[in-house]
Amino acid sequence: MSITIDLNPRLEKELASFVEREKIDVSLLFQQFLEDLMREKHQPTAWELGQEGFGADKTHEGDIAQNTKSLLKARFNNVG
């Protein structure tokens, strides 16, 4: 399969310098890049990373979100 891409002049110049310096064929460079890109594992979202811990605070009964003020007041009234 042949693919044509348009590069801006700066990137085209940098690519030409890179392939000359590294002695690599442009086609091979892009093939390796695409293979690496497709092999890359799924990057988890912030939700997926934290999902296990969401709602993990089981130290209080009831809805903590509804009772935040009273829980904080009870926790910190005895401080000092």
PDB file of N, CA and C in Angstrom:
ATOM      1  N   MET A   1       0.847  -1.172   0.000  1.00  0.00           N
ATOM      2  CA  MET A   1       0.000   0.000   0.000  1.00  0.00           C
ATOM      3  C   MET A   1       0.894   1.237   0.000  1.00  0.00           C
ATOM      4  N   SER A   2       0.585   2.174  -0.837  1.00  0.00           N
ATOM      5  CA  SER A   2       1.313   3.439  -0.858  1.00  0.00           C
ATOM      6  C   SER A   2       0.463   4.515  -0.211  1.00  0.00           C
ATOM      7  N   ILE A   3       1.121   5.346   0.578  1.00  0.00           N
ATOM      8  CA  ILE A   3       0.446   6.459   1.253  1.00  0.00           C
ATOM      9  C   ILE A   3       1.239   7.718   0.990  1.00  0.00           C
ATOM     10  N   THR A   4       0.527   8.785   0.717  1.00  0.00           N
ATOM     11  CA  THR A   4       1.172  10.080   0.522  1.00  0.00           C
ATOM     12  C   THR A   4       0.758  10.993   1.659  1.00  0.00           C
ATOM     13  N   ILE A   5       1.728  11.663   2.275  1.00  0.00           N
ATOM     14  CA  ILE A   5       1.407  12.623   3.330  1.00  0.00           C
ATOM     15  C   ILE A   5       2.068  13.958   3.006  1.00  0.00           C
ATOM     16  N   ASP A   6       1.422  15.020   3.407  1.00  0.00           N
ATOM     17  CA  ASP A   6       1.969  16.356   3.237  1.00  0.00           C
ATOM     18  C   ASP A   6       2.585  16.792   4.557  1.00  0.00           C
ATOM     19  N   LEU A   7       3.838  17.226   4.500  1.00  0.00           N
ATOM     20  CA  LEU A   7       4.531  17.719   5.685  1.00  0.00           C
ATOM     21  C   LEU A   7       4.782  19.209   5.516  1.00  0.00           C
ATOM     22  N   ASN A   8       4.747  19.920   6.638  1.00  0.00           N
ATOM     23  CA  ASN A   8       5.108  21.324   6.525  1.00  0.00           C
ATOM     24  C   ASN A   8       6.602  21.399   6.223  1.00  0.00           C
ATOM     25  N   PRO A   9       7.073  22.487   5.640  1.00  0.00           N
ATOM     26  CA  PRO A   9       8.475  22.585   5.211  1.00  0.00           C
ATOM     27  C   PRO A   9       9.486  22.330   6.328  1.00  0.00           C
ATOM     28  N   ARG A  10       9.218  22.802   7.536  1.00  0.00           N
ATOM     29  CA  ARG A  10      10.140  22.599   8.650  1.00  0.00           C
ATOM     30  C   ARG A  10      10.273  21.114   8.973  1.00  0.00           C
ATOM     31  N   LEU A  11       9.135  20.424   9.071  1.00  0.00           N
ATOM     32  CA  LEU A  11       9.152  19.001   9.398  1.00  0.00           C
ATOM     33  C   LEU A  11       9.792  18.182   8.280  1.00  0.00           C
ATOM     34  N   GLU A  12       9.526  18.572   7.055  1.00  0.00           N
ATOM     35  CA  GLU A  12      10.124  17.874   5.915  1.00  0.00           C
ATOM     36  C   GLU A  12      11.654  17.990   5.955  1.00  0.00           C
ATOM     37  N   LYS A  13      12.147  19.173   6.277  1.00  0.00           N
ATOM     38  CA  LYS A  13      13.587  19.394   6.362  1.00  0.00           C
ATOM     39  C   LYS A  13      14.203  18.575   7.512  1.00  0.00           C
ATOM     40  N   GLU A  14      13.507  18.567   8.667  1.00  0.00           N
ATOM     41  CA  GLU A  14      13.992  17.793   9.814  1.00  0.00           C
ATOM     42  C   GLU A  14      13.990  16.297   9.521  1.00  0.00           C
ATOM     43  N   LEU A  15      12.956  15.831   8.845  1.00  0.00           N
ATOM     44  CA  LEU A  15      12.878  14.415   8.476  1.00  0.00           C
ATOM     45  C   LEU A  15      14.015  14.046   7.530  1.00  0.00           C
ATOM     46  N   ALA A  16      14.269  14.884   6.541  1.00  0.00           N
ATOM     47  CA  ALA A  16      15.357  14.616   5.592  1.00  0.00           C
ATOM     48  C   ALA A  16      16.694  14.546   6.323  1.00  0.00           C
ATOM     49  N   SER A  17      16.929  15.450   7.245  1.00  0.00           N
ATOM     50  CA  SER A  17      18.177  15.434   8.025  1.00  0.00           C
ATOM     51  C   SER A  17      18.265  14.173   8.876  1.00  0.00           C
ATOM     52  N   PHE A  18      17.148  13.796   9.495  1.00  0.00           N
ATOM     53  CA  PHE A  18      17.131  12.627  10.372  1.00  0.00           C
ATOM     54  C   PHE A  18      17.451  11.350   9.606  1.00  0.00           C
ATOM     55  N   VAL A  19      16.767  11.125   8.473  1.00  0.00           N
ATOM     56  CA  VAL A  19      16.981   9.876   7.733  1.00  0.00           C
ATOM     57  C   VAL A  19      18.389   9.821   7.144  1.00  0.00           C
ATOM     58  N   GLU A  20      18.937  10.985   6.781  1.00  0.00           N
ATOM     59  CA  GLU A  20      20.310  11.005   6.269  1.00  0.00           C
ATOM     60  C   GLU A  20      21.307  10.689   7.388  1.00  0.00           C
ATOM     61  N   ARG A  21      21.089  11.319   8.541  1.00  0.00           N
ATOM     62  CA  ARG A  21      21.984  11.120   9.684  1.00  0.00           C
ATOM     63  C   ARG A  21      21.914   9.680  10.198  1.00  0.00           C
ATOM     64  N   GLU A  22      20.711   9.130  10.270  1.00  0.00           N
ATOM     65  CA  GLU A  22      20.512   7.781  10.812  1.00  0.00           C
ATOM     66  C   GLU A  22      20.672   6.685   9.765  1.00  0.00           C
ATOM     67  N   LYS A  23      20.817   7.092   8.516  1.00  0.00           N
ATOM     68  CA  LYS A  23      20.960   6.133   7.410  1.00  0.00           C
ATOM     69  C   LYS A  23      19.804   5.130   7.396  1.00  0.00           C
ATOM     70  N   ILE A  24      18.596   5.679   7.422  1.00  0.00           N
ATOM     71  CA  ILE A  24      17.392   4.840   7.429  1.00  0.00           C
ATOM     72  C   ILE A  24      16.470   5.279   6.298  1.00  0.00           C
ATOM     73  N   ASP A  25      15.797   4.310   5.705  1.00  0.00           N
ATOM     74  CA  ASP A  25      14.851   4.583   4.639  1.00  0.00           C
ATOM     75  C   ASP A  25      13.570   5.178   5.236  1.00  0.00           C
ATOM     76  N   VAL A  26      13.019   6.189   4.569  1.00  0.00           N
ATOM     77  CA  VAL A  26      11.810   6.851   5.068  1.00  0.00           C
ATOM     78  C   VAL A  26      10.663   5.854   5.208  1.00  0.00           C
ATOM     79  N   SER A  27      10.495   4.974   4.243  1.00  0.00           N
ATOM     80  CA  SER A  27       9.416   3.979   4.316  1.00  0.00           C
ATOM     81  C   SER A  27       9.586   3.076   5.527  1.00  0.00           C
ATOM     82  N   LEU A  28      10.813   2.628   5.751  1.00  0.00           N
ATOM     83  CA  LEU A  28      11.086   1.771   6.895  1.00  0.00           C
ATOM     84  C   LEU A  28      10.830   2.518   8.204  1.00  0.00           C
ATOM     85  N   LEU A  29      11.228   3.775   8.252  1.00  0.00           N
ATOM     86  CA  LEU A  29      10.995   4.593   9.442  1.00  0.00           C
ATOM     87  C   LEU A  29       9.507   4.661   9.778  1.00  0.00           C
ATOM     88  N   PHE A  30       8.675   4.960   8.769  1.00  0.00           N
ATOM     89  CA  PHE A  30       7.234   5.062   9.016  1.00  0.00           C
ATOM     90  C   PHE A  30       6.608   3.704   9.324  1.00  0.00           C
ATOM     91  N   GLN A  31       7.104   2.644   8.699  1.00  0.00           N
ATOM     92  CA  GLN A  31       6.587   1.313   9.010  1.00  0.00           C
ATOM     93  C   GLN A  31       6.863   0.954  10.468  1.00  0.00           C
ATOM     94  N   GLN A  32       8.086   1.234  10.924  1.00  0.00           N
ATOM     95  CA  GLN A  32       8.432   0.942  12.311  1.00  0.00           C
ATOM     96  C   GLN A  32       7.596   1.785  13.269  1.00  0.00           C
ATOM     97  N   PHE A  33       7.417   3.050  12.928  1.00  0.00           N
ATOM     98  CA  PHE A  33       6.614   3.935  13.768  1.00  0.00           C
ATOM     99  C   PHE A  33       5.180   3.419  13.882  1.00  0.00           C
ATOM    100  N   LEU A  34       4.580   3.059  12.754  1.00  0.00           N
ATOM    101  CA  LEU A  34       3.191   2.585  12.763  1.00  0.00           C
ATOM    102  C   LEU A  34       3.054   1.262  13.508  1.00  0.00           C
ATOM    103  N   GLU A  35       4.022   0.371  13.348  1.00  0.00           N
ATOM    104  CA  GLU A  35       3.978  -0.894  14.086  1.00  0.00           C
ATOM    105  C   GLU A  35       4.048  -0.652  15.588  1.00  0.00           C
ATOM    106  N   ASP A  36       4.942   0.231  16.001  1.00  0.00           N
ATOM    107  CA  ASP A  36       5.048   0.576  17.423  1.00  0.00           C
ATOM    108  C   ASP A  36       3.753   1.202  17.931  1.00  0.00           C
ATOM    109  N   LEU A  37       3.186   2.071  17.144  1.00  0.00           N
ATOM    110  CA  LEU A  37       1.947   2.759  17.523  1.00  0.00           C
ATOM    111  C   LEU A  37       0.802   1.762  17.692  1.00  0.00           C
ATOM    112  N   MET A  38       0.701   0.811  16.794  1.00  0.00           N
ATOM    113  CA  MET A  38      -0.389  -0.165  16.859  1.00  0.00           C
ATOM    114  C   MET A  38      -0.186  -1.192  17.966  1.00  0.00           C
ATOM    115  N   ARG A  39       1.072  -1.433  18.329  1.00  0.00           N
ATOM    116  CA  ARG A  39       1.374  -2.382  19.405  1.00  0.00           C
ATOM    117  C   ARG A  39       1.163  -1.767  20.781  1.00  0.00           C
ATOM    118  N   GLU A  40       1.194  -0.449  20.822  1.00  0.00           N
ATOM    119  CA  GLU A  40       1.097   0.243  22.103  1.00  0.00           C
ATOM    120  C   GLU A  40      -0.168  -0.206  22.841  1.00  0.00           C
ATOM    121  N   LYS A  41       0.007  -0.474  24.112  1.00  0.00           N
ATOM    122  CA  LYS A  41      -1.134  -0.926  24.913  1.00  0.00           C
ATOM    123  C   LYS A  41      -2.108   0.220  25.146  1.00  0.00           C
ATOM    124  N   HIS A  42      -3.315  -0.160  25.447  1.00  0.00           N
ATOM    125  CA  HIS A  42      -4.355   0.802  25.777  1.00  0.00           C
ATOM    126  C   HIS A  42      -3.922   1.623  26.989  1.00  0.00           C
ATOM    127  N   GLN A  43      -3.954   2.931  26.869  1.00  0.00           N
ATOM    128  CA  GLN A  43      -3.632   3.810  27.988  1.00  0.00           C
ATOM    129  C   GLN A  43      -4.919   4.048  28.788  1.00  0.00           C
ATOM    130  N   PRO A  44      -4.950   3.633  30.059  1.00  0.00           N
ATOM    131  CA  PRO A  44      -6.176   3.799  30.843  1.00  0.00           C
ATOM    132  C   PRO A  44      -6.516   5.266  31.080  1.00  0.00           C
ATOM    133  N   THR A  45      -7.802   5.540  31.132  1.00  0.00           N
ATOM    134  CA  THR A  45      -8.274   6.889  31.425  1.00  0.00           C
ATOM    135  C   THR A  45      -8.131   7.140  32.921  1.00  0.00           C
ATOM    136  N   ALA A  46      -8.283   8.401  33.322  1.00  0.00           N
ATOM    137  CA  ALA A  46      -8.228   8.747  34.743  1.00  0.00           C
ATOM    138  C   ALA A  46      -9.293   7.970  35.510  1.00  0.00           C
ATOM    139  N   TRP A  47     -10.476   7.835  34.933  1.00  0.00           N
ATOM    140  CA  TRP A  47     -11.554   7.081  35.574  1.00  0.00           C
ATOM    141  C   TRP A  47     -11.134   5.626  35.799  1.00  0.00           C
ATOM    142  N   GLU A  48     -10.573   5.004  34.766  1.00  0.00           N
ATOM    143  CA  GLU A  48     -10.161   3.607  34.888  1.00  0.00           C
ATOM    144  C   GLU A  48      -9.077   3.427  35.945  1.00  0.00           C
ATOM    145  N   LEU A  49      -8.152   4.377  36.018  1.00  0.00           N
ATOM    146  CA  LEU A  49      -7.082   4.285  37.009  1.00  0.00           C
ATOM    147  C   LEU A  49      -7.612   4.389  38.439  1.00  0.00           C
ATOM    148  N   GLY A  50      -8.617   5.231  38.665  1.00  0.00           N
ATOM    149  CA  GLY A  50      -9.101   5.449  40.016  1.00  0.00           C
ATOM    150  C   GLY A  50     -10.356   4.701  40.390  1.00  0.00           C
ATOM    151  N   GLN A  51     -10.938   4.018  39.434  1.00  0.00           N
ATOM    152  CA  GLN A  51     -12.237   3.367  39.624  1.00  0.00           C
ATOM    153  C   GLN A  51     -12.272   2.465  40.851  1.00  0.00           C
ATOM    154  N   GLU A  52     -11.216   1.742  41.099  1.00  0.00           N
ATOM    155  CA  GLU A  52     -11.195   0.807  42.221  1.00  0.00           C
ATOM    156  C   GLU A  52     -11.298   1.537  43.561  1.00  0.00           C
ATOM    157  N   GLY A  53     -10.758   2.743  43.627  1.00  0.00           N
ATOM    158  CA  GLY A  53     -10.758   3.468  44.892  1.00  0.00           C
ATOM    159  C   GLY A  53     -11.950   4.375  45.099  1.00  0.00           C
ATOM    160  N   PHE A  54     -12.727   4.632  44.056  1.00  0.00           N
ATOM    161  CA  PHE A  54     -13.871   5.527  44.202  1.00  0.00           C
ATOM    162  C   PHE A  54     -14.886   4.926  45.155  1.00  0.00           C
ATOM    163  N   GLY A  55     -15.270   5.703  46.140  1.00  0.00           N
ATOM    164  CA  GLY A  55     -16.243   5.233  47.109  1.00  0.00           C
ATOM    165  C   GLY A  55     -15.688   4.199  48.059  1.00  0.00           C
ATOM    166  N   ALA A  56     -14.366   4.112  48.144  1.00  0.00           N
ATOM    167  CA  ALA A  56     -13.743   3.078  48.960  1.00  0.00           C
ATOM    168  C   ALA A  56     -13.775   3.389  50.456  1.00  0.00           C
ATOM    169  N   ASP A  57     -14.104   4.628  50.825  1.00  0.00           N
ATOM    170  CA  ASP A  57     -14.135   4.989  52.245  1.00  0.00           C
ATOM    171  C   ASP A  57     -15.399   4.413  52.872  1.00  0.00           C
ATOM    172  N   LYS A  58     -15.235   3.338  53.576  1.00  0.00           N
ATOM    173  CA  LYS A  58     -16.374   2.649  54.199  1.00  0.00           C
ATOM    174  C   LYS A  58     -16.383   2.879  55.705  1.00  0.00           C
ATOM    175  N   THR A  59     -15.742   3.959  56.167  1.00  0.00           N
ATOM    176  CA  THR A  59     -15.628   4.191  57.603  1.00  0.00           C
ATOM    177  C   THR A  59     -16.889   4.797  58.209  1.00  0.00           C
ATOM    178  N   HIS A  60     -17.809   5.280  57.388  1.00  0.00           N
ATOM    179  CA  HIS A  60     -19.027   5.918  57.892  1.00  0.00           C
ATOM    180  C   HIS A  60     -20.257   5.291  57.254  1.00  0.00           C
ATOM    181  N   GLU A  61     -21.309   5.287  57.997  1.00  0.00           N
ATOM    182  CA  GLU A  61     -22.584   4.819  57.464  1.00  0.00           C
ATOM    183  C   GLU A  61     -23.248   5.953  56.703  1.00  0.00           C
ATOM    184  N   GLY A  62     -24.082   5.630  55.774  1.00  0.00           N
ATOM    185  CA  GLY A  62     -24.872   6.637  55.079  1.00  0.00           C
ATOM    186  C   GLY A  62     -24.105   7.322  53.966  1.00  0.00           C
ATOM    187  N   ASP A  63     -24.676   8.416  53.523  1.00  0.00           N
ATOM    188  CA  ASP A  63     -24.134   9.163  52.393  1.00  0.00           C
ATOM    189  C   ASP A  63     -23.147  10.215  52.882  1.00  0.00           C
ATOM    190  N   ILE A  64     -21.876   9.968  52.672  1.00  0.00           N
ATOM    191  CA  ILE A  64     -20.837  10.891  53.135  1.00  0.00           C
ATOM    192  C   ILE A  64     -20.988  12.249  52.454  1.00  0.00           C
ATOM    193  N   ALA A  65     -21.348  12.265  51.187  1.00  0.00           N
ATOM    194  CA  ALA A  65     -21.498  13.528  50.464  1.00  0.00           C
ATOM    195  C   ALA A  65     -22.582  14.395  51.093  1.00  0.00           C
ATOM    196  N   GLN A  66     -23.643  13.794  51.554  1.00  0.00           N
ATOM    197  CA  GLN A  66     -24.744  14.529  52.174  1.00  0.00           C
ATOM    198  C   GLN A  66     -24.383  14.997  53.575  1.00  0.00           C
ATOM    199  N   ASN A  67     -23.477  14.284  54.236  1.00  0.00           N
ATOM    200  CA  ASN A  67     -23.167  14.564  55.638  1.00  0.00           C
ATOM    201  C   ASN A  67     -21.759  15.114  55.852  1.00  0.00           C
ATOM    202  N   THR A  68     -21.157  15.673  54.823  1.00  0.00           N
ATOM    203  CA  THR A  68     -19.768  16.123  54.902  1.00  0.00           C
ATOM    204  C   THR A  68     -19.536  17.107  56.038  1.00  0.00           C
ATOM    205  N   LYS A  69     -20.393  18.139  56.131  1.00  0.00           N
ATOM    206  CA  LYS A  69     -20.195  19.174  57.162  1.00  0.00           C
ATOM    207  C   LYS A  69     -20.241  18.574  58.562  1.00  0.00           C
ATOM    208  N   SER A  70     -21.240  17.761  58.819  1.00  0.00           N
ATOM    209  CA  SER A  70     -21.354  17.201  60.165  1.00  0.00           C
ATOM    210  C   SER A  70     -20.208  16.229  60.469  1.00  0.00           C
ATOM    211  N   LEU A  71     -19.764  15.462  59.486  1.00  0.00           N
ATOM    212  CA  LEU A  71     -18.646  14.541  59.690  1.00  0.00           C
ATOM    213  C   LEU A  71     -17.348  15.305  59.957  1.00  0.00           C
ATOM    214  N   LEU A  72     -17.109  16.386  59.220  1.00  0.00           N
ATOM    215  CA  LEU A  72     -15.913  17.193  59.444  1.00  0.00           C
ATOM    216  C   LEU A  72     -15.955  17.878  60.807  1.00  0.00           C
ATOM    217  N   LYS A  73     -17.139  18.385  61.144  1.00  0.00           N
ATOM    218  CA  LYS A  73     -17.298  19.061  62.439  1.00  0.00           C
ATOM    219  C   LYS A  73     -17.033  18.084  63.576  1.00  0.00           C
ATOM    220  N   ALA A  74     -17.561  16.876  63.470  1.00  0.00           N
ATOM    221  CA  ALA A  74     -17.350  15.860  64.503  1.00  0.00           C
ATOM    222  C   ALA A  74     -15.883  15.450  64.574  1.00  0.00           C
ATOM    223  N   ARG A  75     -15.238  15.399  63.449  1.00  0.00           N
ATOM    224  CA  ARG A  75     -13.818  14.972  63.384  1.00  0.00           C
ATOM    225  C   ARG A  75     -12.894  16.024  63.968  1.00  0.00           C
ATOM    226  N   PHE A  76     -13.157  17.299  63.689  1.00  0.00           N
ATOM    227  CA  PHE A  76     -12.208  18.345  64.063  1.00  0.00           C
ATOM    228  C   PHE A  76     -12.602  19.180  65.272  1.00  0.00           C
ATOM    229  N   ASN A  77     -13.770  18.969  65.857  1.00  0.00           N
ATOM    230  CA  ASN A  77     -14.139  19.714  67.051  1.00  0.00           C
ATOM    231  C   ASN A  77     -13.258  19.362  68.247  1.00  0.00           C
ATOM    232  N   ASN A  78     -12.751  18.153  68.253  1.00  0.00           N
ATOM    233  CA  ASN A  78     -11.941  17.698  69.400  1.00  0.00           C
ATOM    234  C   ASN A  78     -10.460  17.982  69.200  1.00  0.00           C
ATOM    235  N   VAL A  79     -10.076  18.638  68.119  1.00  0.00           N
ATOM    236  CA  VAL A  79      -8.676  18.943  67.822  1.00  0.00           C
ATOM    237  C   VAL A  79      -8.301  20.237  68.540  1.00  0.00           C
ATOM    238  N   GLY A  80      -7.115  20.257  69.101  1.00  0.00           N
ATOM    239  CA  GLY A  80      -6.632  21.515  69.680  1.00  0.00           C
ATOM    240  C   GLY A  80      -6.627  21.454  71.109  1.00  0.00           C
TER     241      GLY A  80
END
